[in-house]
Protein backbone atom coordinates (compact mmCIF):
# COMPACT_ATOMS: atom_id res chain seq x y z
CA MET A 1 -4.74 -46.29 -40.53
CA THR A 2 -5.08 -47.18 -44.20
CA ILE A 3 -2.71 -49.55 -45.98
CA GLN A 4 -0.83 -46.52 -47.35
CA GLU A 5 -0.17 -45.23 -43.82
CA ILE A 6 1.11 -48.54 -42.45
CA ASN A 7 4.78 -49.51 -42.57
CA ILE A 8 6.66 -52.72 -41.82
CA GLY A 9 7.84 -52.48 -38.21
CA ASP A 10 4.95 -50.31 -36.98
CA GLU A 11 3.67 -51.55 -33.65
CA ALA A 12 1.06 -50.81 -31.02
CA SER A 13 0.27 -52.22 -27.59
CA VAL A 14 -2.45 -52.30 -24.96
CA THR A 15 -2.07 -53.27 -21.29
CA LYS A 16 -4.69 -54.69 -18.92
CA THR A 17 -4.69 -56.40 -15.55
CA ILE A 18 -6.80 -59.56 -15.69
CA SER A 19 -9.30 -59.50 -12.82
CA GLU A 20 -11.39 -62.17 -11.19
CA GLY A 21 -14.44 -60.40 -12.61
CA ASP A 22 -13.00 -60.65 -16.14
CA VAL A 23 -12.59 -64.40 -15.74
CA TYR A 24 -16.09 -64.95 -14.32
CA LEU A 25 -17.74 -62.73 -16.93
CA PHE A 26 -15.92 -64.53 -19.74
CA ALA A 27 -16.87 -67.91 -18.27
CA GLY A 28 -20.51 -66.83 -18.10
CA ILE A 29 -20.57 -65.43 -21.62
CA THR A 30 -18.89 -68.44 -23.22
CA GLY A 31 -20.10 -71.22 -20.93
CA ASP A 32 -16.50 -72.37 -20.36
CA LEU A 33 -16.73 -73.18 -16.67
CA ASN A 34 -13.57 -75.28 -16.58
CA PRO A 35 -12.50 -75.60 -12.91
CA ALA A 36 -9.05 -74.30 -13.88
CA HIS A 37 -10.75 -70.92 -14.31
CA VAL A 38 -13.60 -70.80 -11.79
CA ASP A 39 -12.96 -73.30 -8.98
CA ALA A 40 -10.19 -72.17 -6.60
CA VAL A 41 -10.05 -75.47 -4.68
CA ALA A 42 -9.77 -77.63 -7.81
CA ALA A 43 -7.37 -75.18 -9.49
CA GLU A 44 -5.01 -75.22 -6.51
CA LYS A 45 -4.64 -78.99 -6.99
CA SER A 46 -3.97 -78.59 -10.72
CA PHE A 47 -0.74 -78.40 -12.66
CA PHE A 48 -0.96 -74.59 -12.46
CA GLY A 49 -1.38 -74.36 -8.68
CA GLY A 50 -4.19 -71.82 -8.90
CA ARG A 51 -6.88 -70.37 -11.12
CA ILE A 52 -5.84 -69.20 -14.56
CA ALA A 53 -7.52 -66.96 -17.11
CA HIS A 54 -8.94 -68.45 -20.27
CA GLY A 55 -6.36 -68.31 -23.06
CA ILE A 56 -8.90 -66.85 -25.45
CA LEU A 57 -9.82 -64.15 -22.93
CA THR A 58 -6.19 -63.09 -22.81
CA SER A 59 -5.77 -63.29 -26.59
CA GLY A 60 -8.78 -60.99 -26.93
CA LEU A 61 -6.44 -58.14 -26.04
CA ILE A 62 -4.86 -58.64 -29.48
CA SER A 63 -8.25 -57.77 -30.98
CA THR A 64 -8.13 -54.50 -29.03
CA VAL A 65 -4.72 -53.67 -30.50
CA LEU A 66 -5.89 -54.35 -34.07
CA GLY A 67 -9.35 -52.82 -33.80
CA MET A 68 -8.43 -49.71 -31.85
CA TYR A 69 -4.78 -48.87 -32.58
CA LEU A 70 -3.07 -50.67 -35.48
CA PRO A 71 -4.60 -50.46 -38.01
CA GLY A 72 -7.44 -49.16 -35.81
CA PRO A 73 -11.20 -48.55 -36.10
CA GLY A 74 -12.72 -50.09 -39.22
CA THR A 75 -10.18 -52.94 -39.36
CA ILE A 76 -11.45 -56.38 -40.34
CA TYR A 77 -9.72 -59.15 -38.34
CA LEU A 78 -9.31 -62.05 -40.79
CA SER A 79 -7.25 -64.70 -39.01
CA GLN A 80 -5.09 -65.42 -36.00
CA GLU A 81 -2.53 -68.12 -35.26
CA LEU A 82 -1.96 -68.53 -31.51
CA LYS A 83 0.43 -70.45 -29.29
CA PHE A 84 -0.27 -70.36 -25.55
CA THR A 85 3.16 -70.53 -23.92
CA LYS A 86 2.52 -69.79 -20.21
CA PRO A 87 -0.52 -69.49 -17.97
CA VAL A 88 -2.09 -66.15 -17.11
CA TYR A 89 -3.15 -65.92 -13.47
CA ILE A 90 -5.82 -63.66 -12.04
CA GLY A 91 -4.04 -60.40 -11.21
CA ASP A 92 -1.46 -60.67 -13.98
CA THR A 93 -0.95 -57.54 -16.04
CA ILE A 94 -0.82 -58.40 -19.72
CA THR A 95 0.58 -56.29 -22.54
CA ALA A 96 -0.63 -57.31 -26.00
CA THR A 97 1.46 -56.06 -28.93
CA GLY A 98 1.01 -56.20 -32.67
CA LYS A 99 3.98 -55.51 -34.96
CA VAL A 100 3.57 -55.25 -38.73
CA ILE A 101 5.66 -57.91 -40.47
CA GLU A 102 4.03 -58.02 -43.91
CA LYS A 103 2.04 -55.61 -46.04
CA ASN A 104 0.19 -56.37 -49.29
CA ALA A 105 -1.20 -53.11 -50.68
CA GLU A 106 -2.78 -54.80 -53.73
CA ARG A 107 -4.93 -57.06 -51.53
CA ASN A 108 -5.27 -54.52 -48.68
CA ARG A 109 -3.88 -57.02 -46.18
CA VAL A 110 -1.47 -56.68 -43.26
CA LYS A 111 0.15 -59.42 -41.18
CA LEU A 112 1.27 -58.67 -37.64
CA GLU A 113 3.41 -60.60 -35.23
CA THR A 114 1.31 -60.75 -32.07
CA THR A 115 2.51 -61.27 -28.52
CA CYS A 116 1.08 -61.07 -25.05
CA ARG A 117 3.52 -60.62 -22.18
CA ASN A 118 2.91 -60.69 -18.44
CA GLN A 119 4.25 -58.15 -15.94
CA LYS A 120 7.51 -60.14 -15.70
CA GLY A 121 8.07 -59.79 -19.46
CA ASP A 122 7.35 -63.47 -20.12
CA ILE A 123 5.59 -64.24 -23.39
CA VAL A 124 2.30 -65.95 -22.54
CA ILE A 125 0.89 -65.95 -26.10
CA ARG A 126 2.54 -65.54 -29.47
CA GLY A 127 1.27 -65.75 -33.00
CA VAL A 128 0.50 -64.01 -36.27
CA ALA A 129 -2.64 -62.08 -37.21
CA GLU A 130 -3.90 -61.07 -40.63
CA CYS A 131 -6.24 -58.16 -41.06
CA MET A 132 -7.70 -55.80 -43.60
CA PRO A 133 -7.19 -52.12 -42.77
CA PRO A 134 -9.98 -49.65 -43.41
CA LYS A 135 -10.07 -48.17 -46.93
CA GLN A 136 -10.27 -44.61 -45.60
């Protein structure tokens, strides 16, 4: 969608269940082998009581919303403010949503309120993204 096609209040979402494979692949790609993510024995003794997904892995679903749905292909992701509010456990189903809260046609910029919710409806991540929609 171009800036002319986007309206305040527009929103899009994507849903994914976070698998053990997702967590291990992300750990391997990034090198973040924190026991909270990859060591079941250590994670069970932690504050969380079990392994959790990397926060940035989960927030990556916001990139899918912006890059594939709103505004969509050709979008340039400029910035993201994030607050991690609850853990995401392996097997959680996460819905990432972007909702347009600000539009600047002169600068070709859009700000979106971003949230990730688990299958219980709990917000696990919230923030604000800024992006540049495609010109055409």
